[in-house]
Amino acid sequence: MPDPHDPIDAAIIAHLATRDTPCPTCSYNLRGLTTLQCPECARPITATDARLPDESNTDRLVRHLRNRNLKCKCGHNLRDNPDNECPKCHRTYQLMGGRHLIARKRRSFFARLILTIIFLAIVLTITFVLALLIEALNEAPNTTQAQAPSP
């Protein structure tokens, strides 16, 4: 029996109400299905079987956090958080492999600007040093000429 409070179960039944979708096991047409089980072979029907469009990572994260007391690195409890960002420190979170929560700290505009300036300074310094080396090699006297043997 589908759980009426589970949005995934409701979405599967709504999706199958108007679409011809075959059961992966017996190819029975699941259109109009009211339970999450194939009436022909009794296979449980999942979102993948119903070919539901994949929910977004943020929706999956919100569903994951709904009943869990997980804390952000800043100490804020992320339970019932409406999106993938901590409201206190603005770290963004994502699910890895469907179960593991990892944090991504957003860099501020100025931090990104400073990192870009440092990167450009390093690239320009390397370019300048290489140009000096090439110029020095071009100006060095050619000492590889063969000398005539003395009589």
C-alpha atoms as a PDB file:
ATOM      1  CA  MET A   1       0.000   0.000   0.000  1.00  0.00           C
ATOM      2  CA  PRO A   2       1.509   3.361  -0.931  1.00  0.00           C
ATOM      3  CA  ASP A   3       2.123   5.849   1.833  1.00  0.00           C
ATOM      4  CA  PRO A   4      -0.132   8.888   1.155  1.00  0.00           C
ATOM      5  CA  HIS A   5       2.305  11.147   3.029  1.00  0.00           C
ATOM      6  CA  ASP A   6       5.352  10.093   0.993  1.00  0.00           C
ATOM      7  CA  PRO A   7       5.746  12.477  -1.962  1.00  0.00           C
ATOM      8  CA  ILE A   8       7.655   9.845  -3.957  1.00  0.00           C
ATOM      9  CA  ASP A   9       4.830   7.280  -3.680  1.00  0.00           C
ATOM     10  CA  ALA A  10       2.277   9.917  -4.656  1.00  0.00           C
ATOM     11  CA  ALA A  11       4.437  11.017  -7.588  1.00  0.00           C
ATOM     12  CA  ILE A  12       4.787   7.435  -8.859  1.00  0.00           C
ATOM     13  CA  ILE A  13       1.019   6.839  -8.770  1.00  0.00           C
ATOM     14  CA  ALA A  14       0.297  10.226 -10.390  1.00  0.00           C
ATOM     15  CA  HIS A  15       2.900   9.529 -13.071  1.00  0.00           C
ATOM     16  CA  LEU A  16       1.454   6.087 -13.855  1.00  0.00           C
ATOM     17  CA  ALA A  17      -2.139   7.364 -13.918  1.00  0.00           C
ATOM     18  CA  THR A  18      -1.815   8.660 -17.478  1.00  0.00           C
ATOM     19  CA  ARG A  19       1.243   6.891 -18.948  1.00  0.00           C
ATOM     20  CA  ASP A  20       1.758   3.492 -20.505  1.00  0.00           C
ATOM     21  CA  THR A  21       4.738   2.061 -18.628  1.00  0.00           C
ATOM     22  CA  PRO A  22       5.616  -1.645 -18.757  1.00  0.00           C
ATOM     23  CA  CYS A  23       6.599  -3.630 -15.657  1.00  0.00           C
ATOM     24  CA  PRO A  24      10.351  -4.407 -15.921  1.00  0.00           C
ATOM     25  CA  THR A  25       9.729  -8.057 -14.978  1.00  0.00           C
ATOM     26  CA  CYS A  26       6.606  -9.163 -16.863  1.00  0.00           C
ATOM     27  CA  SER A  27       5.903  -6.200 -19.221  1.00  0.00           C
ATOM     28  CA  TYR A  28       2.396  -5.718 -17.780  1.00  0.00           C
ATOM     29  CA  ASN A  29       1.092  -2.201 -18.545  1.00  0.00           C
ATOM     30  CA  LEU A  30       1.191  -0.259 -15.241  1.00  0.00           C
ATOM     31  CA  ARG A  31      -1.102   2.551 -16.449  1.00  0.00           C
ATOM     32  CA  GLY A  32      -3.671   3.482 -13.786  1.00  0.00           C
ATOM     33  CA  LEU A  33      -1.901   1.548 -11.039  1.00  0.00           C
ATOM     34  CA  THR A  34      -3.218   2.415  -7.551  1.00  0.00           C
ATOM     35  CA  THR A  35      -0.721   0.352  -5.555  1.00  0.00           C
ATOM     36  CA  LEU A  36       3.059   0.199  -5.794  1.00  0.00           C
ATOM     37  CA  GLN A  37       3.039  -3.437  -6.834  1.00  0.00           C
ATOM     38  CA  CYS A  38       2.558  -5.003 -10.246  1.00  0.00           C
ATOM     39  CA  PRO A  39      -0.810  -6.852 -10.268  1.00  0.00           C
ATOM     40  CA  GLU A  40       0.589  -9.449 -12.685  1.00  0.00           C
ATOM     41  CA  CYS A  41       3.872 -10.543 -11.044  1.00  0.00           C
ATOM     42  CA  ALA A  42       3.732  -8.765  -7.625  1.00  0.00           C
ATOM     43  CA  ARG A  43       6.985  -6.887  -8.215  1.00  0.00           C
ATOM     44  CA  PRO A  44       7.304  -3.714  -6.084  1.00  0.00           C
ATOM     45  CA  ILE A  45       7.305  -0.648  -8.342  1.00  0.00           C
ATOM     46  CA  THR A  46       9.955   2.033  -7.729  1.00  0.00           C
ATOM     47  CA  ALA A  47      10.511   5.496  -9.175  1.00  0.00           C
ATOM     48  CA  THR A  48      13.080   4.003 -11.560  1.00  0.00           C
ATOM     49  CA  ASP A  49      10.589   1.379 -12.745  1.00  0.00           C
ATOM     50  CA  ALA A  50       7.940   4.068 -13.292  1.00  0.00           C
ATOM     51  CA  ARG A  51      10.510   6.123 -15.231  1.00  0.00           C
ATOM     52  CA  LEU A  52       9.911   9.167 -13.120  1.00  0.00           C
ATOM     53  CA  PRO A  53      12.025  12.180 -13.921  1.00  0.00           C
ATOM     54  CA  ASP A  54      14.907  12.184 -11.443  1.00  0.00           C
ATOM     55  CA  GLU A  55      14.377  14.539  -8.532  1.00  0.00           C
ATOM     56  CA  SER A  56      16.950  17.264  -8.092  1.00  0.00           C
ATOM     57  CA  ASN A  57      19.883  16.916  -5.714  1.00  0.00           C
ATOM     58  CA  THR A  58      18.426  19.670  -3.535  1.00  0.00           C
ATOM     59  CA  ASP A  59      15.068  17.869  -3.263  1.00  0.00           C
ATOM     60  CA  ARG A  60      16.844  14.631  -2.340  1.00  0.00           C
ATOM     61  CA  LEU A  61      18.910  16.496   0.292  1.00  0.00           C
ATOM     62  CA  VAL A  62      15.829  18.179   1.810  1.00  0.00           C
ATOM     63  CA  ARG A  63      14.104  14.778   2.035  1.00  0.00           C
ATOM     64  CA  HIS A  64      17.289  13.308   3.594  1.00  0.00           C
ATOM     65  CA  LEU A  65      17.467  16.056   6.240  1.00  0.00           C
ATOM     66  CA  ARG A  66      13.750  15.945   7.086  1.00  0.00           C
ATOM     67  CA  ASN A  67      14.084  13.421   9.923  1.00  0.00           C
ATOM     68  CA  ARG A  68      17.763  13.689  10.805  1.00  0.00           C
ATOM     69  CA  ASN A  69      19.579  15.876  13.299  1.00  0.00           C
ATOM     70  CA  LEU A  70      22.704  16.631  11.283  1.00  0.00           C
ATOM     71  CA  LYS A  71      24.779  19.635  12.186  1.00  0.00           C
ATOM     72  CA  CYS A  72      26.704  21.942   9.938  1.00  0.00           C
ATOM     73  CA  LYS A  73      30.382  22.544  10.684  1.00  0.00           C
ATOM     74  CA  CYS A  74      29.329  25.854  12.273  1.00  0.00           C
ATOM     75  CA  GLY A  75      27.068  23.945  14.713  1.00  0.00           C
ATOM     76  CA  HIS A  76      23.693  24.859  13.165  1.00  0.00           C
ATOM     77  CA  ASN A  77      21.184  21.952  13.016  1.00  0.00           C
ATOM     78  CA  LEU A  78      20.198  21.311   9.382  1.00  0.00           C
ATOM     79  CA  ARG A  79      16.992  19.403  10.224  1.00  0.00           C
ATOM     80  CA  ASP A  80      14.042  20.626   8.117  1.00  0.00           C
ATOM     81  CA  ASN A  81      16.316  22.976   6.180  1.00  0.00           C
ATOM     82  CA  PRO A  82      14.396  24.104   3.047  1.00  0.00           C
ATOM     83  CA  ASP A  83      17.397  24.032   0.694  1.00  0.00           C
ATOM     84  CA  ASN A  84      21.023  22.904   0.436  1.00  0.00           C
ATOM     85  CA  GLU A  85      22.566  25.906   2.205  1.00  0.00           C
ATOM     86  CA  CYS A  86      23.202  26.440   5.911  1.00  0.00           C
ATOM     87  CA  PRO A  87      21.302  29.604   6.902  1.00  0.00           C
ATOM     88  CA  LYS A  88      23.980  30.529   9.439  1.00  0.00           C
ATOM     89  CA  CYS A  89      27.337  30.165   7.621  1.00  0.00           C
ATOM     90  CA  HIS A  90      26.114  29.700   3.998  1.00  0.00           C
ATOM     91  CA  ARG A  91      27.965  26.439   3.385  1.00  0.00           C
ATOM     92  CA  THR A  92      26.302  24.434   0.654  1.00  0.00           C
ATOM     93  CA  TYR A  93      25.704  20.731   1.134  1.00  0.00           C
ATOM     94  CA  GLN A  94      25.152  17.854  -1.238  1.00  0.00           C
ATOM     95  CA  LEU A  95      24.512  14.142  -0.931  1.00  0.00           C
ATOM     96  CA  MET A  96      27.201  11.803  -2.186  1.00  0.00           C
ATOM     97  CA  GLY A  97      25.989   8.342  -3.129  1.00  0.00           C
ATOM     98  CA  GLY A  98      22.533   9.108  -1.759  1.00  0.00           C
ATOM     99  CA  ARG A  99      23.539   8.850   1.908  1.00  0.00           C
ATOM    100  CA  HIS A 100      26.703  10.798   2.731  1.00  0.00           C
ATOM    101  CA  LEU A 101      26.429  14.515   3.377  1.00  0.00           C
ATOM    102  CA  ILE A 102      29.396  16.682   2.404  1.00  0.00           C
ATOM    103  CA  ALA A 103      29.910  20.412   2.821  1.00  0.00           C
ATOM    104  CA  ARG A 104      31.019  22.866   0.194  1.00  0.00           C
ATOM    105  CA  LYS A 105      32.067  26.262   1.521  1.00  0.00           C
ATOM    106  CA  ARG A 106      31.274  29.057  -0.868  1.00  0.00           C
ATOM    107  CA  ARG A 107      34.090  31.508  -1.315  1.00  0.00           C
ATOM    108  CA  SER A 108      33.181  35.158  -1.176  1.00  0.00           C
ATOM    109  CA  PHE A 109      33.615  37.369  -4.208  1.00  0.00           C
ATOM    110  CA  PHE A 110      36.732  38.964  -2.739  1.00  0.00           C
ATOM    111  CA  ALA A 111      38.325  35.608  -1.938  1.00  0.00           C
ATOM    112  CA  ARG A 112      37.779  34.480  -5.542  1.00  0.00           C
ATOM    113  CA  LEU A 113      39.160  37.810  -6.791  1.00  0.00           C
ATOM    114  CA  ILE A 114      42.305  37.491  -4.668  1.00  0.00           C
ATOM    115  CA  LEU A 115      42.862  33.898  -5.815  1.00  0.00           C
ATOM    116  CA  THR A 116      42.480  34.995  -9.440  1.00  0.00           C
ATOM    117  CA  ILE A 117      44.993  37.839  -8.988  1.00  0.00           C
ATOM    118  CA  ILE A 118      47.500  35.488  -7.335  1.00  0.00           C
ATOM    119  CA  PHE A 119      47.088  32.962 -10.148  1.00  0.00           C
ATOM    120  CA  LEU A 120      47.627  35.655 -12.802  1.00  0.00           C
ATOM    121  CA  ALA A 121      50.700  36.983 -10.968  1.00  0.00           C
ATOM    122  CA  ILE A 122      52.213  33.486 -10.910  1.00  0.00           C
ATOM    123  CA  VAL A 123      51.508  32.947 -14.622  1.00  0.00           C
ATOM    124  CA  LEU A 124      53.008  36.345 -15.547  1.00  0.00           C
ATOM    125  CA  THR A 125      56.094  35.698 -13.404  1.00  0.00           C
ATOM    126  CA  ILE A 126      56.700  32.330 -15.051  1.00  0.00           C
ATOM    127  CA  THR A 127      56.221  33.874 -18.500  1.00  0.00           C
ATOM    128  CA  PHE A 128      58.686  36.685 -17.707  1.00  0.00           C
ATOM    129  CA  VAL A 129      61.345  34.274 -16.383  1.00  0.00           C
ATOM    130  CA  LEU A 130      60.990  32.053 -19.464  1.00  0.00           C
ATOM    131  CA  ALA A 131      61.319  35.080 -21.751  1.00  0.00           C
ATOM    132  CA  LEU A 132      64.526  36.118 -19.939  1.00  0.00           C
ATOM    133  CA  LEU A 133      65.958  32.591 -20.251  1.00  0.00           C
ATOM    134  CA  ILE A 134      65.183  32.439 -23.977  1.00  0.00           C
ATOM    135  CA  GLU A 135      66.763  35.857 -24.517  1.00  0.00           C
ATOM    136  CA  ALA A 136      69.877  34.844 -22.555  1.00  0.00           C
ATOM    137  CA  LEU A 137      70.234  31.643 -24.581  1.00  0.00           C
ATOM    138  CA  ASN A 138      69.912  33.538 -27.858  1.00  0.00           C
ATOM    139  CA  GLU A 139      72.632  36.050 -26.863  1.00  0.00           C
ATOM    140  CA  ALA A 140      75.141  33.476 -25.557  1.00  0.00           C
ATOM    141  CA  PRO A 141      78.155  32.985 -27.868  1.00  0.00           C
ATOM    142  CA  ASN A 142      78.053  29.852 -29.904  1.00  0.00           C
ATOM    143  CA  THR A 143      80.903  27.725 -28.459  1.00  0.00           C
ATOM    144  CA  THR A 144      80.025  24.548 -30.253  1.00  0.00           C
ATOM    145  CA  GLN A 145      81.901  25.421 -33.484  1.00  0.00           C
ATOM    146  CA  ALA A 146      84.558  22.905 -34.347  1.00  0.00           C
ATOM    147  CA  GLN A 147      88.101  24.207 -34.190  1.00  0.00           C
ATOM    148  CA  ALA A 148      90.562  23.246 -36.880  1.00  0.00           C
ATOM    149  CA  PRO A 149      93.264  20.853 -35.642  1.00  0.00           C
ATOM    150  CA  SER A 150      96.655  22.438 -35.181  1.00  0.00           C
ATOM    151  CA  PRO A 151      99.557  21.267 -37.452  1.00  0.00           C
END
